[in-house]
Amino acid sequence: MSERYISHQKITPELSNWILEQTRAGFKPQDVLQSMLTAGWERPVAVAALERTLKIRIDPQPAAVTTATASPALVSAIAMPEPDLTNSPLYLDGGDRQVAVLTVLANPRVVVLGNLLSDEECDGLIAFAKPRMARSLTVDNKTGGEEMNAARTSNGMFFQRGENELVARIEKRIARLVNWAEDRGEGIQVLQYGPGAEYKPHFDYFDPAEPGTPSILKRGGQRLGTVIMYLSEPEQGGGTVFPDLHLEVGPKRGNGVFFSYDRPHASTKTLHGGAPVVTGEKWIATKWLREGVFV
């Protein structure tokens, strides 16, 4: 996973007005971005400011590219997993279940879902997972394999996609809710967090700058979205935190949170983590969505 990115530079109304003035004067977005970089603006902040102000999407250059050689290109929007939120529905049709829409953020897209799983489904996933739990690993971006990471102090396991009736039913429901084919998702991962366990803030996409990323992408392309499902409730702590958004989603049993990221870059503002469990135990299930068929 990508390391945490924090910036102290802010996108102000004055900056947005300046960007508009430059474009009205005939400067292309690429030229405006170059001017901002030369003036000392950090690339993720400059890209986000341009996109937000001009309602466009810019393909950000890797950090290793210098401002002298960078020539960022405008790119068209890509297809993304996305719940149908037309007319602000209170519920979404999961096929076999009505799922509540509790909270919605537009940028980045974050949707908190209520009643995503039944109590029986939560218990069933935990029961199937328990015999196979082991210390959680993360993807090693340098090799494309897996590694133990001190930032992730949980136990976990992966189901194969469609491994049993329960897993297949939940995967079908998620696919319907976010309008994304079932075969364009990884198998569900179940994680257990005891007191003090956490997963420090990170990004779910695969960092293009890492040498192991090309081999990872062969299995289904880049990750585009995440669904976290809460299977049990700790007494205290254990929320899903989004530091850049000052948002914390409580781990309410049966609920879930969906968020998406249309590029592997910090400007998506999808930095997130699992806050330490203070008291009790937390079980979650995570489903990652890929841009292509995951094999």
C-alpha atoms as a PDB file:
ATOM      1  CA  MET A   1       0.000   0.000   0.000  1.00  0.00           C
ATOM      2  CA  SER A   2       1.087   3.563  -0.553  1.00  0.00           C
ATOM      3  CA  GLU A   3       2.495   5.545   2.324  1.00  0.00           C
ATOM      4  CA  ARG A   4       0.597   8.343   3.989  1.00  0.00           C
ATOM      5  CA  TYR A   5       0.688  11.724   2.264  1.00  0.00           C
ATOM      6  CA  ILE A   6       0.022  14.947   4.181  1.00  0.00           C
ATOM      7  CA  SER A   7       0.128  18.491   2.810  1.00  0.00           C
ATOM      8  CA  HIS A   8      -0.129  21.774   4.660  1.00  0.00           C
ATOM      9  CA  GLN A   9      -0.945  23.684   1.473  1.00  0.00           C
ATOM     10  CA  LYS A  10      -4.621  24.550   1.093  1.00  0.00           C
ATOM     11  CA  ILE A  11      -6.888  25.194  -1.877  1.00  0.00           C
ATOM     12  CA  THR A  12      -8.312  28.642  -1.170  1.00  0.00           C
ATOM     13  CA  PRO A  13     -10.934  30.721  -3.048  1.00  0.00           C
ATOM     14  CA  GLU A  14      -8.116  33.044  -4.050  1.00  0.00           C
ATOM     15  CA  LEU A  15      -6.225  30.181  -5.686  1.00  0.00           C
ATOM     16  CA  SER A  16      -9.329  29.032  -7.552  1.00  0.00           C
ATOM     17  CA  ASN A  17      -9.948  32.575  -8.799  1.00  0.00           C
ATOM     18  CA  TRP A  18      -6.349  32.810 -10.007  1.00  0.00           C
ATOM     19  CA  ILE A  19      -6.708  29.527 -11.926  1.00  0.00           C
ATOM     20  CA  LEU A  20      -9.868  30.825 -13.606  1.00  0.00           C
ATOM     21  CA  GLU A  21      -8.121  34.072 -14.523  1.00  0.00           C
ATOM     22  CA  GLN A  22      -5.264  32.185 -16.147  1.00  0.00           C
ATOM     23  CA  THR A  23      -7.565  29.984 -18.230  1.00  0.00           C
ATOM     24  CA  ARG A  24      -9.656  32.973 -19.309  1.00  0.00           C
ATOM     25  CA  ALA A  25      -6.424  34.589 -20.441  1.00  0.00           C
ATOM     26  CA  GLY A  26      -5.868  31.646 -22.781  1.00  0.00           C
ATOM     27  CA  PHE A  27      -3.416  29.497 -20.805  1.00  0.00           C
ATOM     28  CA  LYS A  28      -3.930  25.735 -21.050  1.00  0.00           C
ATOM     29  CA  PRO A  29      -4.386  23.672 -17.858  1.00  0.00           C
ATOM     30  CA  GLN A  30      -0.970  22.091 -18.429  1.00  0.00           C
ATOM     31  CA  ASP A  31       0.618  25.555 -18.471  1.00  0.00           C
ATOM     32  CA  VAL A  32      -1.236  26.629 -15.342  1.00  0.00           C
ATOM     33  CA  LEU A  33      -0.096  23.484 -13.545  1.00  0.00           C
ATOM     34  CA  GLN A  34       3.500  24.099 -14.565  1.00  0.00           C
ATOM     35  CA  SER A  35       3.297  27.662 -13.239  1.00  0.00           C
ATOM     36  CA  MET A  36       1.966  26.405  -9.910  1.00  0.00           C
ATOM     37  CA  LEU A  37       4.753  23.838  -9.592  1.00  0.00           C
ATOM     38  CA  THR A  38       7.367  26.465 -10.397  1.00  0.00           C
ATOM     39  CA  ALA A  39       5.857  28.718  -7.735  1.00  0.00           C
ATOM     40  CA  GLY A  40       6.291  25.972  -5.112  1.00  0.00           C
ATOM     41  CA  TRP A  41       2.905  24.276  -5.039  1.00  0.00           C
ATOM     42  CA  GLU A  42       3.030  20.543  -4.316  1.00  0.00           C
ATOM     43  CA  ARG A  43       1.904  18.458  -7.271  1.00  0.00           C
ATOM     44  CA  PRO A  44      -1.049  16.662  -5.556  1.00  0.00           C
ATOM     45  CA  VAL A  45      -2.432  19.981  -4.287  1.00  0.00           C
ATOM     46  CA  ALA A  46      -1.957  21.720  -7.655  1.00  0.00           C
ATOM     47  CA  VAL A  47      -3.636  18.863  -9.543  1.00  0.00           C
ATOM     48  CA  ALA A  48      -6.565  18.787  -7.106  1.00  0.00           C
ATOM     49  CA  ALA A  49      -6.999  22.576  -7.334  1.00  0.00           C
ATOM     50  CA  LEU A  50      -7.093  22.500 -11.138  1.00  0.00           C
ATOM     51  CA  GLU A  51      -9.506  19.584 -11.270  1.00  0.00           C
ATOM     52  CA  ARG A  52     -11.832  21.078  -8.688  1.00  0.00           C
ATOM     53  CA  THR A  53     -11.843  24.528 -10.266  1.00  0.00           C
ATOM     54  CA  LEU A  54     -12.038  23.546 -13.932  1.00  0.00           C
ATOM     55  CA  LYS A  55     -14.097  20.335 -13.522  1.00  0.00           C
ATOM     56  CA  ILE A  56     -11.558  18.305 -15.474  1.00  0.00           C
ATOM     57  CA  ARG A  57      -9.376  15.292 -14.791  1.00  0.00           C
ATOM     58  CA  ILE A  58      -5.601  15.490 -15.028  1.00  0.00           C
ATOM     59  CA  ASP A  59      -3.295  12.518 -15.250  1.00  0.00           C
ATOM     60  CA  PRO A  60      -0.751  13.297 -12.497  1.00  0.00           C
ATOM     61  CA  GLN A  61       2.887  12.529 -13.186  1.00  0.00           C
ATOM     62  CA  PRO A  62       4.810  10.256 -10.775  1.00  0.00           C
ATOM     63  CA  ALA A  63       6.705  12.103  -8.097  1.00  0.00           C
ATOM     64  CA  ALA A  64      10.013  11.153  -9.738  1.00  0.00           C
ATOM     65  CA  VAL A  65       9.207  13.293 -12.786  1.00  0.00           C
ATOM     66  CA  THR A  66      10.703  16.742 -12.403  1.00  0.00           C
ATOM     67  CA  THR A  67       8.859  19.956 -13.150  1.00  0.00           C
ATOM     68  CA  ALA A  68      11.300  20.579 -15.958  1.00  0.00           C
ATOM     69  CA  THR A  69      10.200  17.476 -17.868  1.00  0.00           C
ATOM     70  CA  ALA A  70       6.610  17.072 -16.701  1.00  0.00           C
ATOM     71  CA  SER A  71       3.887  17.466 -19.310  1.00  0.00           C
ATOM     72  CA  PRO A  72       0.669  16.282 -17.613  1.00  0.00           C
ATOM     73  CA  ALA A  73      -2.081  15.256 -19.973  1.00  0.00           C
ATOM     74  CA  LEU A  74      -5.808  15.722 -19.671  1.00  0.00           C
ATOM     75  CA  VAL A  75      -7.543  12.352 -19.726  1.00  0.00           C
ATOM     76  CA  SER A  76     -11.155  11.348 -20.111  1.00  0.00           C
ATOM     77  CA  ALA A  77     -13.126   9.938 -17.213  1.00  0.00           C
ATOM     78  CA  ILE A  78     -12.965   6.174 -16.785  1.00  0.00           C
ATOM     79  CA  ALA A  79     -15.793   3.832 -15.874  1.00  0.00           C
ATOM     80  CA  MET A  80     -16.061   3.506 -12.114  1.00  0.00           C
ATOM     81  CA  PRO A  81     -18.022   1.443  -9.598  1.00  0.00           C
ATOM     82  CA  GLU A  82     -20.762   3.737  -8.402  1.00  0.00           C
ATOM     83  CA  PRO A  83     -24.064   3.343  -6.529  1.00  0.00           C
ATOM     84  CA  ASP A  84     -27.030   4.921  -8.311  1.00  0.00           C
ATOM     85  CA  LEU A  85     -27.643   7.971  -6.125  1.00  0.00           C
ATOM     86  CA  THR A  86     -29.937   9.758  -8.589  1.00  0.00           C
ATOM     87  CA  ASN A  87     -32.534  11.842  -6.728  1.00  0.00           C
ATOM     88  CA  SER A  88     -30.849  11.128  -3.369  1.00  0.00           C
ATOM     89  CA  PRO A  89     -32.453   7.767  -2.517  1.00  0.00           C
ATOM     90  CA  LEU A  90     -32.830   6.683   1.095  1.00  0.00           C
ATOM     91  CA  TYR A  91     -32.406   3.043   0.067  1.00  0.00           C
ATOM     92  CA  LEU A  92     -30.582   1.102  -2.641  1.00  0.00           C
ATOM     93  CA  ASP A  93     -31.809  -2.167  -4.136  1.00  0.00           C
ATOM     94  CA  GLY A  94     -29.332  -4.936  -3.342  1.00  0.00           C
ATOM     95  CA  GLY A  95     -31.445  -7.524  -5.140  1.00  0.00           C
ATOM     96  CA  ASP A  96     -32.252  -9.584  -2.078  1.00  0.00           C
ATOM     97  CA  ARG A  97     -32.021  -6.732   0.418  1.00  0.00           C
ATOM     98  CA  GLN A  98     -32.826  -3.042   0.762  1.00  0.00           C
ATOM     99  CA  VAL A  99     -29.684  -1.191   1.864  1.00  0.00           C
ATOM    100  CA  ALA A 100     -29.914   2.218   3.522  1.00  0.00           C
ATOM    101  CA  VAL A 101     -27.936   5.225   2.319  1.00  0.00           C
ATOM    102  CA  LEU A 102     -26.733   6.857   5.539  1.00  0.00           C
ATOM    103  CA  THR A 103     -24.046   9.320   4.445  1.00  0.00           C
ATOM    104  CA  VAL A 104     -22.803  10.499   1.048  1.00  0.00           C
ATOM    105  CA  LEU A 105     -19.690  12.452   0.063  1.00  0.00           C
ATOM    106  CA  ALA A 106     -19.234  13.508  -3.556  1.00  0.00           C
ATOM    107  CA  ASN A 107     -15.492  14.185  -3.688  1.00  0.00           C
ATOM    108  CA  PRO A 108     -14.121  11.711  -2.981  1.00  0.00           C
ATOM    109  CA  ARG A 109     -17.067   9.404  -3.408  1.00  0.00           C
ATOM    110  CA  VAL A 110     -17.790   7.922   0.015  1.00  0.00           C
ATOM    111  CA  VAL A 111     -21.108   6.231   0.813  1.00  0.00           C
ATOM    112  CA  VAL A 112     -21.956   4.826   4.243  1.00  0.00           C
ATOM    113  CA  LEU A 113     -24.393   1.922   3.860  1.00  0.00           C
ATOM    114  CA  GLY A 114     -26.807   0.706   6.518  1.00  0.00           C
ATOM    115  CA  ASN A 115     -28.156  -2.835   6.821  1.00  0.00           C
ATOM    116  CA  LEU A 116     -25.723  -4.078   4.181  1.00  0.00           C
ATOM    117  CA  LEU A 117     -25.443  -7.458   5.932  1.00  0.00           C
ATOM    118  CA  SER A 118     -27.796  -9.324   8.263  1.00  0.00           C
ATOM    119  CA  ASP A 119     -26.713 -10.508  11.703  1.00  0.00           C
ATOM    120  CA  GLU A 120     -26.761 -14.079  10.368  1.00  0.00           C
ATOM    121  CA  GLU A 121     -24.489 -13.139   7.469  1.00  0.00           C
ATOM    122  CA  CYS A 122     -22.046 -11.389   9.816  1.00  0.00           C
ATOM    123  CA  ASP A 123     -21.934 -14.442  12.080  1.00  0.00           C
ATOM    124  CA  GLY A 124     -21.578 -16.755   9.093  1.00  0.00           C
ATOM    125  CA  LEU A 125     -18.565 -14.931   7.643  1.00  0.00           C
ATOM    126  CA  ILE A 126     -16.850 -14.944  11.037  1.00  0.00           C
ATOM    127  CA  ALA A 127     -17.568 -18.660  11.534  1.00  0.00           C
ATOM    128  CA  PHE A 128     -16.205 -19.594   8.098  1.00  0.00           C
ATOM    129  CA  ALA A 129     -13.139 -17.384   8.581  1.00  0.00           C
ATOM    130  CA  LYS A 130     -12.076 -18.357  12.124  1.00  0.00           C
ATOM    131  CA  PRO A 131     -10.319 -21.655  11.315  1.00  0.00           C
ATOM    132  CA  ARG A 132      -8.194 -19.947   8.649  1.00  0.00           C
ATOM    133  CA  MET A 133      -7.115 -16.765  10.452  1.00  0.00           C
ATOM    134  CA  ALA A 134      -3.425 -15.771  10.452  1.00  0.00           C
ATOM    135  CA  ARG A 135      -1.408 -12.598  10.938  1.00  0.00           C
ATOM    136  CA  SER A 136      -2.521 -10.158   8.213  1.00  0.00           C
ATOM    137  CA  LEU A 137      -0.230  -9.477   5.281  1.00  0.00           C
ATOM    138  CA  THR A 138      -0.175  -6.556   2.874  1.00  0.00           C
ATOM    139  CA  VAL A 139       0.770  -6.428  -0.795  1.00  0.00           C
ATOM    140  CA  ASP A 140       4.496  -5.873  -1.266  1.00  0.00           C
ATOM    141  CA  ASN A 141       4.668  -3.205  -3.985  1.00  0.00           C
ATOM    142  CA  LYS A 142       8.362  -3.885  -4.536  1.00  0.00           C
ATOM    143  CA  THR A 143       7.951  -7.536  -5.495  1.00  0.00           C
ATOM    144  CA  GLY A 144       4.255  -7.996  -6.194  1.00  0.00           C
ATOM    145  CA  GLY A 145       4.036 -10.596  -3.413  1.00  0.00           C
ATOM    146  CA  GLU A 146       2.901 -10.263   0.195  1.00  0.00           C
ATOM    147  CA  GLU A 147       4.669  -9.112   3.349  1.00  0.00           C
ATOM    148  CA  MET A 148       4.075  -8.614   7.044  1.00  0.00           C
ATOM    149  CA  ASN A 149       3.628  -4.917   7.774  1.00  0.00           C
ATOM    150  CA  ALA A 150       3.992  -3.310  11.209  1.00  0.00           C
ATOM    151  CA  ALA A 151       1.288  -0.800  10.236  1.00  0.00           C
ATOM    152  CA  ARG A 152      -1.298  -3.594  10.118  1.00  0.00           C
ATOM    153  CA  THR A 153      -1.740  -5.407  13.435  1.00  0.00           C
ATOM    154  CA  SER A 154      -4.721  -7.609  12.649  1.00  0.00           C
ATOM    155  CA  ASN A 155      -5.407 -11.254  11.841  1.00  0.00           C
ATOM    156  CA  GLY A 156      -7.040 -12.136   8.549  1.00  0.00           C
ATOM    157  CA  MET A 157      -7.841 -14.507   5.698  1.00  0.00           C
ATOM    158  CA  PHE A 158      -9.169 -14.393   2.119  1.00  0.00           C
ATOM    159  CA  PHE A 159     -12.135 -16.204   0.634  1.00  0.00           C
ATOM    160  CA  GLN A 160     -11.948 -17.229  -2.979  1.00  0.00           C
ATOM    161  CA  ARG A 161     -14.513 -15.373  -5.048  1.00  0.00           C
ATOM    162  CA  GLY A 162     -17.789 -17.319  -4.874  1.00  0.00           C
ATOM    163  CA  GLU A 163     -16.212 -19.851  -2.497  1.00  0.00           C
ATOM    164  CA  ASN A 164     -19.507 -20.746  -0.825  1.00  0.00           C
ATOM    165  CA  GLU A 165     -23.170 -19.733  -0.999  1.00  0.00           C
ATOM    166  CA  LEU A 166     -22.832 -17.020   1.640  1.00  0.00           C
ATOM    167  CA  VAL A 167     -19.807 -15.386   0.020  1.00  0.00           C
ATOM    168  CA  ALA A 168     -21.405 -15.579  -3.435  1.00  0.00           C
ATOM    169  CA  ARG A 169     -24.624 -13.988  -2.157  1.00  0.00           C
ATOM    170  CA  ILE A 170     -22.781 -11.048  -0.595  1.00  0.00           C
ATOM    171  CA  GLU A 171     -20.608 -10.552  -3.679  1.00  0.00           C
ATOM    172  CA  LYS A 172     -23.692 -10.493  -5.895  1.00  0.00           C
ATOM    173  CA  ARG A 173     -25.320  -7.896  -3.629  1.00  0.00           C
ATOM    174  CA  ILE A 174     -22.243  -5.657  -3.681  1.00  0.00           C
ATOM    175  CA  ALA A 175     -21.981  -5.933  -7.472  1.00  0.00           C
ATOM    176  CA  ARG A 176     -25.578  -4.786  -7.825  1.00  0.00           C
ATOM    177  CA  LEU A 177     -25.212  -1.951  -5.326  1.00  0.00           C
ATOM    178  CA  VAL A 178     -22.136  -0.414  -6.967  1.00  0.00           C
ATOM    179  CA  ASN A 179     -22.959  -1.428 -10.560  1.00  0.00           C
ATOM    180  CA  TRP A 180     -19.761  -3.417 -11.038  1.00  0.00           C
ATOM    181  CA  ALA A 181     -19.408  -6.961 -12.379  1.00  0.00           C
ATOM    182  CA  GLU A 182     -18.724  -9.661  -9.800  1.00  0.00           C
ATOM    183  CA  ASP A 183     -15.653 -10.919 -11.673  1.00  0.00           C
ATOM    184  CA  ARG A 184     -14.072  -7.459 -11.431  1.00  0.00           C
ATOM    185  CA  GLY A 185     -13.533  -7.849  -7.709  1.00  0.00           C
ATOM    186  CA  GLU A 186     -11.050  -9.615  -5.457  1.00  0.00           C
ATOM    187  CA  GLY A 187     -12.140 -12.280  -3.013  1.00  0.00           C
ATOM    188  CA  ILE A 188     -13.546 -11.006   0.292  1.00  0.00           C
ATOM    189  CA  GLN A 189     -10.979 -10.579   3.061  1.00  0.00           C
ATOM    190  CA  VAL A 190     -12.003 -11.009   6.708  1.00  0.00           C
ATOM    191  CA  LEU A 191      -9.994  -9.265   9.427  1.00  0.00           C
ATOM    192  CA  GLN A 192     -10.060  -9.447  13.208  1.00  0.00           C
ATOM    193  CA  TYR A 193      -8.771  -6.634  15.439  1.00  0.00           C
ATOM    194  CA  GLY A 194      -8.301  -7.118  19.192  1.00  0.00           C
ATOM    195  CA  PRO A 195      -7.575  -4.376  21.743  1.00  0.00           C
ATOM    196  CA  GLY A 196      -4.823  -2.069  20.472  1.00  0.00           C
ATOM    197  CA  ALA A 197      -4.879  -3.511  16.934  1.00  0.00           C
ATOM    198  CA  GLU A 198      -5.082  -1.026  14.065  1.00  0.00           C
ATOM    199  CA  TYR A 199      -4.276  -0.389  10.414  1.00  0.00           C
ATOM    200  CA  LYS A 200      -2.479   2.925  10.012  1.00  0.00           C
ATOM    201  CA  PRO A 201      -3.607   5.346   7.275  1.00  0.00           C
ATOM    202  CA  HIS A 202      -2.829   4.109   3.768  1.00  0.00           C
ATOM    203  CA  PHE A 203      -4.157   4.070   0.213  1.00  0.00           C
ATOM    204  CA  ASP A 204      -5.716   0.955  -1.326  1.00  0.00           C
ATOM    205  CA  TYR A 205      -4.494   1.524  -4.885  1.00  0.00           C
ATOM    206  CA  PHE A 206      -1.200   0.081  -6.104  1.00  0.00           C
ATOM    207  CA  ASP A 207       1.554   2.682  -6.398  1.00  0.00           C
ATOM    208  CA  PRO A 208       2.661   2.952 -10.073  1.00  0.00           C
ATOM    209  CA  ALA A 209       6.139   3.990  -8.952  1.00  0.00           C
ATOM    210  CA  GLU A 210       6.802   0.691  -7.168  1.00  0.00           C
ATOM    211  CA  PRO A 211       8.647  -2.020  -9.146  1.00  0.00           C
ATOM    212  CA  GLY A 212       6.223  -4.793  -8.195  1.00  0.00           C
ATOM    213  CA  THR A 213       3.095  -2.987  -9.381  1.00  0.00           C
ATOM    214  CA  PRO A 214       3.152  -4.181 -13.039  1.00  0.00           C
ATOM    215  CA  SER A 215       2.993  -7.824 -11.938  1.00  0.00           C
ATOM    216  CA  ILE A 216       0.155  -7.044  -9.500  1.00  0.00           C
ATOM    217  CA  LEU A 217      -1.855  -5.292 -12.222  1.00  0.00           C
ATOM    218  CA  LYS A 218      -1.716  -8.359 -14.470  1.00  0.00           C
ATOM    219  CA  ARG A 219      -4.354 -10.016 -12.280  1.00  0.00           C
ATOM    220  CA  GLY A 220      -7.079  -7.453 -13.010  1.00  0.00           C
ATOM    221  CA  GLY A 221      -5.685  -3.972 -13.346  1.00  0.00           C
ATOM    222  CA  GLN A 222      -5.716  -1.208 -10.791  1.00  0.00           C
ATOM    223  CA  ARG A 223      -7.987  -1.105  -7.759  1.00  0.00           C
ATOM    224  CA  LEU A 224     -10.793   1.452  -8.174  1.00  0.00           C
ATOM    225  CA  GLY A 225     -12.976   0.987  -5.124  1.00  0.00           C
ATOM    226  CA  THR A 226     -13.290  -0.517  -1.650  1.00  0.00           C
ATOM    227  CA  VAL A 227     -16.232  -1.852   0.365  1.00  0.00           C
ATOM    228  CA  ILE A 228     -15.640  -2.354   4.097  1.00  0.00           C
ATOM    229  CA  MET A 229     -18.300  -4.334   5.985  1.00  0.00           C
ATOM    230  CA  TYR A 230     -18.531  -4.368   9.782  1.00  0.00           C
ATOM    231  CA  LEU A 231     -19.196  -7.840  11.177  1.00  0.00           C
ATOM    232  CA  SER A 232     -18.979  -7.075  14.896  1.00  0.00           C
ATOM    233  CA  GLU A 233     -18.838  -4.031  17.165  1.00  0.00           C
ATOM    234  CA  PRO A 234     -16.009  -3.240  19.569  1.00  0.00           C
ATOM    235  CA  GLU A 235     -17.085  -1.432  22.707  1.00  0.00           C
ATOM    236  CA  GLN A 236     -14.767   1.482  21.938  1.00  0.00           C
ATOM    237  CA  GLY A 237     -12.589   2.522  19.010  1.00  0.00           C
ATOM    238  CA  GLY A 238     -12.045   0.732  15.721  1.00  0.00           C
ATOM    239  CA  GLY A 239     -13.645   3.244  13.366  1.00  0.00           C
ATOM    240  CA  THR A 240     -12.610   3.706   9.738  1.00  0.00           C
ATOM    241  CA  VAL A 241     -10.900   7.086   9.573  1.00  0.00           C
ATOM    242  CA  PHE A 242     -10.297   9.335   6.548  1.00  0.00           C
ATOM    243  CA  PRO A 243      -7.711  11.858   7.836  1.00  0.00           C
ATOM    244  CA  ASP A 244      -7.880  14.200   4.826  1.00  0.00           C
ATOM    245  CA  LEU A 245     -11.668  14.410   5.141  1.00  0.00           C
ATOM    246  CA  HIS A 246     -11.812  14.626   8.958  1.00  0.00           C
ATOM    247  CA  LEU A 247     -14.292  11.756   8.750  1.00  0.00           C
ATOM    248  CA  GLU A 248     -14.675   8.672  10.926  1.00  0.00           C
ATOM    249  CA  VAL A 249     -17.145   5.892  10.126  1.00  0.00           C
ATOM    250  CA  GLY A 250     -18.226   3.947  13.199  1.00  0.00           C
ATOM    251  CA  PRO A 251     -17.949   0.127  12.996  1.00  0.00           C
ATOM    252  CA  LYS A 252     -21.678  -0.554  13.352  1.00  0.00           C
ATOM    253  CA  ARG A 253     -22.438  -4.263  12.867  1.00  0.00           C
ATOM    254  CA  GLY A 254     -24.118  -4.931   9.512  1.00  0.00           C
ATOM    255  CA  ASN A 255     -23.212  -1.545   8.056  1.00  0.00           C
ATOM    256  CA  GLY A 256     -20.550  -0.812   5.468  1.00  0.00           C
ATOM    257  CA  VAL A 257     -18.697   1.981   3.729  1.00  0.00           C
ATOM    258  CA  PHE A 258     -17.922   2.230   0.013  1.00  0.00           C
ATOM    259  CA  PHE A 259     -15.328   4.611  -1.430  1.00  0.00           C
ATOM    260  CA  SER A 260     -13.704   4.915  -4.837  1.00  0.00           C
ATOM    261  CA  TYR A 261     -10.520   6.367  -6.334  1.00  0.00           C
ATOM    262  CA  ASP A 262     -10.244   6.948 -10.075  1.00  0.00           C
ATOM    263  CA  ARG A 263      -6.447   7.168 -10.176  1.00  0.00           C
ATOM    264  CA  PRO A 264      -3.538   5.855  -8.100  1.00  0.00           C
ATOM    265  CA  HIS A 265      -2.697   9.227  -6.572  1.00  0.00           C
ATOM    266  CA  ALA A 266      -2.959  11.051  -3.249  1.00  0.00           C
ATOM    267  CA  SER A 267      -5.167  13.698  -4.880  1.00  0.00           C
ATOM    268  CA  THR A 268      -8.055  11.206  -4.621  1.00  0.00           C
ATOM    269  CA  LYS A 269      -8.135  12.028  -0.891  1.00  0.00           C
ATOM    270  CA  THR A 270      -8.888   8.397  -0.029  1.00  0.00           C
ATOM    271  CA  LEU A 271      -6.224   8.064   2.641  1.00  0.00           C
ATOM    272  CA  HIS A 272      -7.874   5.895   5.288  1.00  0.00           C
ATOM    273  CA  GLY A 273      -7.097   3.588   8.170  1.00  0.00           C
ATOM    274  CA  GLY A 274      -8.559   1.444  10.897  1.00  0.00           C
ATOM    275  CA  ALA A 275      -8.361   3.279  14.220  1.00  0.00           C
ATOM    276  CA  PRO A 276      -7.050   1.248  17.180  1.00  0.00           C
ATOM    277  CA  VAL A 277      -9.597  -0.857  19.009  1.00  0.00           C
ATOM    278  CA  VAL A 278      -9.769   0.460  22.577  1.00  0.00           C
ATOM    279  CA  THR A 279     -12.058  -2.123  24.165  1.00  0.00           C
ATOM    280  CA  GLY A 280     -13.559  -5.272  22.723  1.00  0.00           C
ATOM    281  CA  GLU A 281     -13.041  -6.918  19.368  1.00  0.00           C
ATOM    282  CA  LYS A 282     -13.706  -5.816  15.786  1.00  0.00           C
ATOM    283  CA  TRP A 283     -14.354  -8.064  12.788  1.00  0.00           C
ATOM    284  CA  ILE A 284     -14.629  -6.619   9.284  1.00  0.00           C
ATOM    285  CA  ALA A 285     -14.846  -7.928   5.731  1.00  0.00           C
ATOM    286  CA  THR A 286     -13.293  -6.024   2.832  1.00  0.00           C
ATOM    287  CA  LYS A 287     -14.004  -6.252  -0.886  1.00  0.00           C
ATOM    288  CA  TRP A 288     -11.666  -4.521  -3.377  1.00  0.00           C
ATOM    289  CA  LEU A 289     -12.919  -3.706  -6.877  1.00  0.00           C
ATOM    290  CA  ARG A 290     -10.582  -3.856  -9.887  1.00  0.00           C
ATOM    291  CA  GLU A 291     -10.752  -2.109 -13.262  1.00  0.00           C
ATOM    292  CA  GLY A 292     -10.649  -5.450 -15.115  1.00  0.00           C
ATOM    293  CA  VAL A 293     -11.501  -9.082 -14.511  1.00  0.00           C
ATOM    294  CA  PHE A 294      -9.618 -10.345 -11.458  1.00  0.00           C
ATOM    295  CA  VAL A 295      -8.006 -13.749 -11.939  1.00  0.00           C
END
